[in-house]
Amino acid sequence: MALAFRLSGAGHPPERLQTKADLTMVQEGQAWTIAAITLNLTGKVPGMSKEDFLKHAEEAKATCPVSRVLKAEITLMAELE
């Protein structure tokens, strides 16, 4: 949602954004913890360069409230179609 908002605000509303999250969970005593998350993002954004798409995706990841609340290491792999 953060990326769609940023792209639309920059004048490039996305035609499609698809994200798959792969996560690593570890058991700490009796409790489970999300230790790491890899976000695999594919987007179709007419009129946008790959470099600009990656810049917006990284900025959205850094400022997203959900990303900030999780204490896991979050990695972003983004691809523009």
PDB file of N, CA and C in Angstrom:
ATOM      1  N   MET A   1       0.823  -1.186   0.000  1.00  0.00           N
ATOM      2  CA  MET A   1       0.000   0.000   0.000  1.00  0.00           C
ATOM      3  C   MET A   1       0.868   1.251   0.000  1.00  0.00           C
ATOM      4  N   ALA A   2       1.952   1.200   0.757  1.00  0.00           N
ATOM      5  CA  ALA A   2       2.824   2.370   0.825  1.00  0.00           C
ATOM      6  C   ALA A   2       3.428   2.669  -0.547  1.00  0.00           C
ATOM      7  N   LEU A   3       3.815   1.633  -1.273  1.00  0.00           N
ATOM      8  CA  LEU A   3       4.407   1.844  -2.596  1.00  0.00           C
ATOM      9  C   LEU A   3       3.368   2.361  -3.584  1.00  0.00           C
ATOM     10  N   ALA A   4       2.171   1.797  -3.598  1.00  0.00           N
ATOM     11  CA  ALA A   4       1.125   2.265  -4.506  1.00  0.00           C
ATOM     12  C   ALA A   4       0.824   3.736  -4.254  1.00  0.00           C
ATOM     13  N   PHE A   5       0.773   4.131  -2.984  1.00  0.00           N
ATOM     14  CA  PHE A   5       0.527   5.519  -2.620  1.00  0.00           C
ATOM     15  C   PHE A   5       1.651   6.422  -3.137  1.00  0.00           C
ATOM     16  N   ARG A   6       2.905   5.997  -2.941  1.00  0.00           N
ATOM     17  CA  ARG A   6       4.054   6.792  -3.388  1.00  0.00           C
ATOM     18  C   ARG A   6       4.075   6.929  -4.908  1.00  0.00           C
ATOM     19  N   LEU A   7       3.853   5.821  -5.615  1.00  0.00           N
ATOM     20  CA  LEU A   7       3.891   5.856  -7.079  1.00  0.00           C
ATOM     21  C   LEU A   7       2.780   6.743  -7.628  1.00  0.00           C
ATOM     22  N   SER A   8       1.586   6.615  -7.078  1.00  0.00           N
ATOM     23  CA  SER A   8       0.474   7.449  -7.529  1.00  0.00           C
ATOM     24  C   SER A   8       0.752   8.923  -7.257  1.00  0.00           C
ATOM     25  N   GLY A   9       1.323   9.220  -6.095  1.00  0.00           N
ATOM     26  CA  GLY A   9       1.672  10.588  -5.752  1.00  0.00           C
ATOM     27  C   GLY A   9       2.732  11.181  -6.661  1.00  0.00           C
ATOM     28  N   ALA A  10       3.579  10.309  -7.231  1.00  0.00           N
ATOM     29  CA  ALA A  10       4.629  10.752  -8.144  1.00  0.00           C
ATOM     30  C   ALA A  10       4.128  10.835  -9.590  1.00  0.00           C
ATOM     31  N   GLY A  11       2.825  10.593  -9.780  1.00  0.00           N
ATOM     32  CA  GLY A  11       2.257  10.683 -11.119  1.00  0.00           C
ATOM     33  C   GLY A  11       2.355   9.409 -11.930  1.00  0.00           C
ATOM     34  N   HIS A  12       2.659   8.285 -11.282  1.00  0.00           N
ATOM     35  CA  HIS A  12       2.786   6.999 -11.963  1.00  0.00           C
ATOM     36  C   HIS A  12       1.958   5.934 -11.248  1.00  0.00           C
ATOM     37  N   PRO A  13       0.630   6.017 -11.356  1.00  0.00           N
ATOM     38  CA  PRO A  13      -0.177   4.995 -10.690  1.00  0.00           C
ATOM     39  C   PRO A  13       0.150   3.617 -11.254  1.00  0.00           C
ATOM     40  N   PRO A  14       0.384   2.640 -10.399  1.00  0.00           N
ATOM     41  CA  PRO A  14       0.765   1.315 -10.884  1.00  0.00           C
ATOM     42  C   PRO A  14      -0.411   0.603 -11.542  1.00  0.00           C
ATOM     43  N   GLU A  15      -0.097  -0.112 -12.608  1.00  0.00           N
ATOM     44  CA  GLU A  15      -1.102  -0.971 -13.233  1.00  0.00           C
ATOM     45  C   GLU A  15      -1.237  -2.261 -12.417  1.00  0.00           C
ATOM     46  N   ARG A  16      -0.096  -2.732 -11.891  1.00  0.00           N
ATOM     47  CA  ARG A  16      -0.105  -3.934 -11.054  1.00  0.00           C
ATOM     48  C   ARG A  16       1.117  -3.942 -10.146  1.00  0.00           C
ATOM     49  N   LEU A  17       0.897  -4.317  -8.895  1.00  0.00           N
ATOM     50  CA  LEU A  17       1.970  -4.581  -7.934  1.00  0.00           C
ATOM     51  C   LEU A  17       1.665  -5.937  -7.309  1.00  0.00           C
ATOM     52  N   GLN A  18       2.622  -6.835  -7.358  1.00  0.00           N
ATOM     53  CA  GLN A  18       2.438  -8.163  -6.764  1.00  0.00           C
ATOM     54  C   GLN A  18       3.611  -8.425  -5.832  1.00  0.00           C
ATOM     55  N   THR A  19       3.302  -8.738  -4.585  1.00  0.00           N
ATOM     56  CA  THR A  19       4.346  -8.978  -3.589  1.00  0.00           C
ATOM     57  C   THR A  19       4.151 -10.345  -2.958  1.00  0.00           C
ATOM     58  N   LYS A  20       5.240 -11.064  -2.855  1.00  0.00           N
ATOM     59  CA  LYS A  20       5.266 -12.344  -2.148  1.00  0.00           C
ATOM     60  C   LYS A  20       6.252 -12.182  -1.002  1.00  0.00           C
ATOM     61  N   ALA A  21       5.844 -12.562   0.196  1.00  0.00           N
ATOM     62  CA  ALA A  21       6.715 -12.449   1.368  1.00  0.00           C
ATOM     63  C   ALA A  21       7.159 -13.846   1.796  1.00  0.00           C
ATOM     64  N   ASP A  22       8.454 -14.066   1.817  1.00  0.00           N
ATOM     65  CA  ASP A  22       9.032 -15.301   2.356  1.00  0.00           C
ATOM     66  C   ASP A  22       9.633 -14.947   3.701  1.00  0.00           C
ATOM     67  N   LEU A  23       9.257 -15.703   4.727  1.00  0.00           N
ATOM     68  CA  LEU A  23       9.788 -15.355   6.041  1.00  0.00           C
ATOM     69  C   LEU A  23      10.484 -16.533   6.698  1.00  0.00           C
ATOM     70  N   THR A  24      11.390 -16.179   7.585  1.00  0.00           N
ATOM     71  CA  THR A  24      12.125 -17.154   8.385  1.00  0.00           C
ATOM     72  C   THR A  24      11.671 -16.992   9.820  1.00  0.00           C
ATOM     73  N   MET A  25      11.233 -18.110  10.405  1.00  0.00           N
ATOM     74  CA  MET A  25      10.813 -18.094  11.810  1.00  0.00           C
ATOM     75  C   MET A  25      11.782 -18.941  12.619  1.00  0.00           C
ATOM     76  N   VAL A  26      12.084 -18.472  13.816  1.00  0.00           N
ATOM     77  CA  VAL A  26      12.953 -19.212  14.727  1.00  0.00           C
ATOM     78  C   VAL A  26      12.229 -19.385  16.058  1.00  0.00           C
ATOM     79  N   GLN A  27      12.524 -20.501  16.695  1.00  0.00           N
ATOM     80  CA  GLN A  27      11.921 -20.752  18.001  1.00  0.00           C
ATOM     81  C   GLN A  27      12.893 -20.298  19.074  1.00  0.00           C
ATOM     82  N   GLU A  28      12.389 -19.457  19.961  1.00  0.00           N
ATOM     83  CA  GLU A  28      13.168 -18.955  21.088  1.00  0.00           C
ATOM     84  C   GLU A  28      12.475 -19.425  22.351  1.00  0.00           C
ATOM     85  N   GLY A  29      12.957 -20.526  22.894  1.00  0.00           N
ATOM     86  CA  GLY A  29      12.279 -21.128  24.039  1.00  0.00           C
ATOM     87  C   GLY A  29      10.954 -21.698  23.579  1.00  0.00           C
ATOM     88  N   GLN A  30       9.865 -21.268  24.190  1.00  0.00           N
ATOM     89  CA  GLN A  30       8.522 -21.731  23.823  1.00  0.00           C
ATOM     90  C   GLN A  30       7.881 -20.876  22.724  1.00  0.00           C
ATOM     91  N   ALA A  31       8.460 -19.713  22.438  1.00  0.00           N
ATOM     92  CA  ALA A  31       7.855 -18.766  21.506  1.00  0.00           C
ATOM     93  C   ALA A  31       8.535 -18.782  20.141  1.00  0.00           C
ATOM     94  N   TRP A  32       7.761 -18.471  19.117  1.00  0.00           N
ATOM     95  CA  TRP A  32       8.280 -18.340  17.764  1.00  0.00           C
ATOM     96  C   TRP A  32       8.420 -16.859  17.423  1.00  0.00           C
ATOM     97  N   THR A  33       9.467 -16.540  16.667  1.00  0.00           N
ATOM     98  CA  THR A  33       9.755 -15.163  16.274  1.00  0.00           C
ATOM     99  C   THR A  33      10.037 -15.106  14.784  1.00  0.00           C
ATOM    100  N   ILE A  34       9.512 -14.082  14.122  1.00  0.00           N
ATOM    101  CA  ILE A  34       9.873 -13.843  12.727  1.00  0.00           C
ATOM    102  C   ILE A  34      11.250 -13.191  12.733  1.00  0.00           C
ATOM    103  N   ALA A  35      12.235 -13.894  12.180  1.00  0.00           N
ATOM    104  CA  ALA A  35      13.611 -13.405  12.206  1.00  0.00           C
ATOM    105  C   ALA A  35      13.976 -12.604  10.963  1.00  0.00           C
ATOM    106  N   ALA A  36      13.393 -12.955   9.818  1.00  0.00           N
ATOM    107  CA  ALA A  36      13.733 -12.267   8.573  1.00  0.00           C
ATOM    108  C   ALA A  36      12.580 -12.405   7.587  1.00  0.00           C
ATOM    109  N   ILE A  37      12.464 -11.402   6.722  1.00  0.00           N
ATOM    110  CA  ILE A  37      11.437 -11.406   5.687  1.00  0.00           C
ATOM    111  C   ILE A  37      12.087 -10.948   4.384  1.00  0.00           C
ATOM    112  N   THR A  38      11.812 -11.677   3.313  1.00  0.00           N
ATOM    113  CA  THR A  38      12.227 -11.254   1.981  1.00  0.00           C
ATOM    114  C   THR A  38      10.966 -10.937   1.196  1.00  0.00           C
ATOM    115  N   LEU A  39      10.867  -9.702   0.729  1.00  0.00           N
ATOM    116  CA  LEU A  39       9.732  -9.275  -0.083  1.00  0.00           C
ATOM    117  C   LEU A  39      10.122  -9.388  -1.548  1.00  0.00           C
ATOM    118  N   ASN A  40       9.414 -10.204  -2.297  1.00  0.00           N
ATOM    119  CA  ASN A  40       9.639 -10.356  -3.737  1.00  0.00           C
ATOM    120  C   ASN A  40       8.537  -9.585  -4.448  1.00  0.00           C
ATOM    121  N   LEU A  41       8.901  -8.457  -5.029  1.00  0.00           N
ATOM    122  CA  LEU A  41       7.954  -7.517  -5.613  1.00  0.00           C
ATOM    123  C   LEU A  41       8.108  -7.472  -7.124  1.00  0.00           C
ATOM    124  N   THR A  42       6.986  -7.566  -7.813  1.00  0.00           N
ATOM    125  CA  THR A  42       6.946  -7.357  -9.258  1.00  0.00           C
ATOM    126  C   THR A  42       5.908  -6.281  -9.521  1.00  0.00           C
ATOM    127  N   GLY A  43       6.287  -5.295 -10.317  1.00  0.00           N
ATOM    128  CA  GLY A  43       5.367  -4.209 -10.603  1.00  0.00           C
ATOM    129  C   GLY A  43       5.293  -3.882 -12.072  1.00  0.00           C
ATOM    130  N   LYS A  44       4.137  -3.421 -12.479  1.00  0.00           N
ATOM    131  CA  LYS A  44       3.947  -2.896 -13.828  1.00  0.00           C
ATOM    132  C   LYS A  44       3.488  -1.454 -13.668  1.00  0.00           C
ATOM    133  N   VAL A  45       4.389  -0.530 -14.014  1.00  0.00           N
ATOM    134  CA  VAL A  45       4.126   0.896 -13.821  1.00  0.00           C
ATOM    135  C   VAL A  45       4.453   1.609 -15.131  1.00  0.00           C
ATOM    136  N   PRO A  46       3.447   1.885 -15.943  1.00  0.00           N
ATOM    137  CA  PRO A  46       3.694   2.531 -17.233  1.00  0.00           C
ATOM    138  C   PRO A  46       4.449   3.857 -17.080  1.00  0.00           C
ATOM    139  N   GLY A  47       5.450   4.035 -17.941  1.00  0.00           N
ATOM    140  CA  GLY A  47       6.194   5.283 -17.984  1.00  0.00           C
ATOM    141  C   GLY A  47       7.250   5.460 -16.914  1.00  0.00           C
ATOM    142  N   MET A  48       7.556   4.423 -16.158  1.00  0.00           N
ATOM    143  CA  MET A  48       8.539   4.544 -15.074  1.00  0.00           C
ATOM    144  C   MET A  48       9.775   3.709 -15.400  1.00  0.00           C
ATOM    145  N   SER A  49      10.949   4.279 -15.130  1.00  0.00           N
ATOM    146  CA  SER A  49      12.197   3.539 -15.338  1.00  0.00           C
ATOM    147  C   SER A  49      12.417   2.554 -14.192  1.00  0.00           C
ATOM    148  N   LYS A  50      13.239   1.555 -14.465  1.00  0.00           N
ATOM    149  CA  LYS A  50      13.576   0.564 -13.434  1.00  0.00           C
ATOM    150  C   LYS A  50      14.236   1.239 -12.237  1.00  0.00           C
ATOM    151  N   GLU A  51      15.117   2.197 -12.493  1.00  0.00           N
ATOM    152  CA  GLU A  51      15.834   2.883 -11.415  1.00  0.00           C
ATOM    153  C   GLU A  51      14.867   3.648 -10.517  1.00  0.00           C
ATOM    154  N   ASP A  52      13.915   4.367 -11.125  1.00  0.00           N
ATOM    155  CA  ASP A  52      12.935   5.111 -10.332  1.00  0.00           C
ATOM    156  C   ASP A  52      12.028   4.168  -9.549  1.00  0.00           C
ATOM    157  N   PHE A  53      11.645   3.052 -10.177  1.00  0.00           N
ATOM    158  CA  PHE A  53      10.806   2.070  -9.486  1.00  0.00           C
ATOM    159  C   PHE A  53      11.523   1.519  -8.260  1.00  0.00           C
ATOM    160  N   LEU A  54      12.790   1.146  -8.414  1.00  0.00           N
ATOM    161  CA  LEU A  54      13.563   0.617  -7.286  1.00  0.00           C
ATOM    162  C   LEU A  54      13.725   1.661  -6.189  1.00  0.00           C
ATOM    163  N   LYS A  55      13.937   2.917  -6.576  1.00  0.00           N
ATOM    164  CA  LYS A  55      14.069   3.996  -5.592  1.00  0.00           C
ATOM    165  C   LYS A  55      12.783   4.149  -4.783  1.00  0.00           C
ATOM    166  N   HIS A  56      11.659   4.178  -5.456  1.00  0.00           N
ATOM    167  CA  HIS A  56      10.374   4.308  -4.763  1.00  0.00           C
ATOM    168  C   HIS A  56      10.091   3.079  -3.894  1.00  0.00           C
ATOM    169  N   ALA A  57      10.422   1.895  -4.381  1.00  0.00           N
ATOM    170  CA  ALA A  57      10.195   0.671  -3.605  1.00  0.00           C
ATOM    171  C   ALA A  57      11.031   0.674  -2.324  1.00  0.00           C
ATOM    172  N   GLU A  58      12.290   1.058  -2.421  1.00  0.00           N
ATOM    173  CA  GLU A  58      13.156   1.102  -1.232  1.00  0.00           C
ATOM    174  C   GLU A  58      12.669   2.153  -0.240  1.00  0.00           C
ATOM    175  N   GLU A  59      12.246   3.320  -0.739  1.00  0.00           N
ATOM    176  CA  GLU A  59      11.741   4.368   0.150  1.00  0.00           C
ATOM    177  C   GLU A  59      10.440   3.929   0.830  1.00  0.00           C
ATOM    178  N   ALA A  60       9.573   3.235   0.092  1.00  0.00           N
ATOM    179  CA  ALA A  60       8.326   2.742   0.686  1.00  0.00           C
ATOM    180  C   ALA A  60       8.627   1.702   1.759  1.00  0.00           C
ATOM    181  N   LYS A  61       9.585   0.819   1.503  1.00  0.00           N
ATOM    182  CA  LYS A  61       9.972  -0.194   2.496  1.00  0.00           C
ATOM    183  C   LYS A  61      10.509   0.471   3.757  1.00  0.00           C
ATOM    184  N   ALA A  62      11.303   1.499   3.601  1.00  0.00           N
ATOM    185  CA  ALA A  62      11.932   2.164   4.746  1.00  0.00           C
ATOM    186  C   ALA A  62      10.928   2.944   5.596  1.00  0.00           C
ATOM    187  N   THR A  63       9.852   3.423   4.980  1.00  0.00           N
ATOM    188  CA  THR A  63       8.915   4.275   5.713  1.00  0.00           C
ATOM    189  C   THR A  63       7.575   3.598   6.002  1.00  0.00           C
ATOM    190  N   CYS A  64       7.385   2.384   5.530  1.00  0.00           N
ATOM    191  CA  CYS A  64       6.126   1.670   5.741  1.00  0.00           C
ATOM    192  C   CYS A  64       5.911   1.390   7.229  1.00  0.00           C
ATOM    193  N   PRO A  65       4.741   1.734   7.778  1.00  0.00           N
ATOM    194  CA  PRO A  65       4.500   1.490   9.209  1.00  0.00           C
ATOM    195  C   PRO A  65       4.618   0.014   9.596  1.00  0.00           C
ATOM    196  N   VAL A  66       4.186  -0.883   8.717  1.00  0.00           N
ATOM    197  CA  VAL A  66       4.275  -2.318   9.031  1.00  0.00           C
ATOM    198  C   VAL A  66       5.743  -2.754   9.066  1.00  0.00           C
ATOM    199  N   SER A  67       6.520  -2.321   8.097  1.00  0.00           N
ATOM    200  CA  SER A  67       7.943  -2.668   8.079  1.00  0.00           C
ATOM    201  C   SER A  67       8.656  -2.141   9.317  1.00  0.00           C
ATOM    202  N   ARG A  68       8.277  -0.942   9.743  1.00  0.00           N
ATOM    203  CA  ARG A  68       8.955  -0.324  10.887  1.00  0.00           C
ATOM    204  C   ARG A  68       8.603  -1.003  12.202  1.00  0.00           C
ATOM    205  N   VAL A  69       7.377  -1.535  12.322  1.00  0.00           N
ATOM    206  CA  VAL A  69       6.989  -2.158  13.583  1.00  0.00           C
ATOM    207  C   VAL A  69       7.633  -3.540  13.755  1.00  0.00           C
ATOM    208  N   LEU A  70       7.888  -4.232  12.640  1.00  0.00           N
ATOM    209  CA  LEU A  70       8.518  -5.546  12.728  1.00  0.00           C
ATOM    210  C   LEU A  70       9.999  -5.381  13.035  1.00  0.00           C
ATOM    211  N   LYS A  71      10.502  -6.182  13.909  1.00  0.00           N
ATOM    212  CA  LYS A  71      11.912  -6.092  14.269  1.00  0.00           C
ATOM    213  C   LYS A  71      12.761  -7.048  13.441  1.00  0.00           C
ATOM    214  N   ALA A  72      12.156  -7.693  12.476  1.00  0.00           N
ATOM    215  CA  ALA A  72      12.865  -8.637  11.614  1.00  0.00           C
ATOM    216  C   ALA A  72      13.692  -7.886  10.579  1.00  0.00           C
ATOM    217  N   GLU A  73      14.713  -8.549  10.077  1.00  0.00           N
ATOM    218  CA  GLU A  73      15.464  -8.024   8.938  1.00  0.00           C
ATOM    219  C   GLU A  73      14.581  -8.200   7.716  1.00  0.00           C
ATOM    220  N   ILE A  74      14.338  -7.108   6.978  1.00  0.00           N
ATOM    221  CA  ILE A  74      13.472  -7.172   5.812  1.00  0.00           C
ATOM    222  C   ILE A  74      14.296  -6.833   4.576  1.00  0.00           C
ATOM    223  N   THR A  75      14.298  -7.754   3.614  1.00  0.00           N
ATOM    224  CA  THR A  75      15.022  -7.587   2.365  1.00  0.00           C
ATOM    225  C   THR A  75      14.022  -7.416   1.242  1.00  0.00           C
ATOM    226  N   LEU A  76      14.306  -6.520   0.310  1.00  0.00           N
ATOM    227  CA  LEU A  76      13.416  -6.269  -0.818  1.00  0.00           C
ATOM    228  C   LEU A  76      14.095  -6.680  -2.107  1.00  0.00           C
ATOM    229  N   MET A  77      13.419  -7.494  -2.903  1.00  0.00           N
ATOM    230  CA  MET A  77      13.843  -7.867  -4.238  1.00  0.00           C
ATOM    231  C   MET A  77      12.749  -7.342  -5.168  1.00  0.00           C
ATOM    232  N   ALA A  78      13.031  -6.303  -5.972  1.00  0.00           N
ATOM    233  CA  ALA A  78      11.999  -5.674  -6.786  1.00  0.00           C
ATOM    234  C   ALA A  78      12.339  -5.801  -8.265  1.00  0.00           C
ATOM    235  N   GLU A  79      11.307  -5.997  -9.079  1.00  0.00           N
ATOM    236  CA  GLU A  79      11.464  -6.130 -10.520  1.00  0.00           C
ATOM    237  C   GLU A  79      10.355  -5.370 -11.221  1.00  0.00           C
ATOM    238  N   LEU A  80      10.720  -4.554 -12.197  1.00  0.00           N
ATOM    239  CA  LEU A  80       9.742  -3.815 -12.975  1.00  0.00           C
ATOM    240  C   LEU A  80       9.542  -4.555 -14.289  1.00  0.00           C
ATOM    241  N   GLU A  81       8.275  -4.818 -14.638  1.00  0.00           N
ATOM    242  CA  GLU A  81       7.971  -5.509 -15.898  1.00  0.00           C
ATOM    243  C   GLU A  81       7.989  -4.546 -17.054  1.00  0.00           C
TER     244      GLU A  81
END
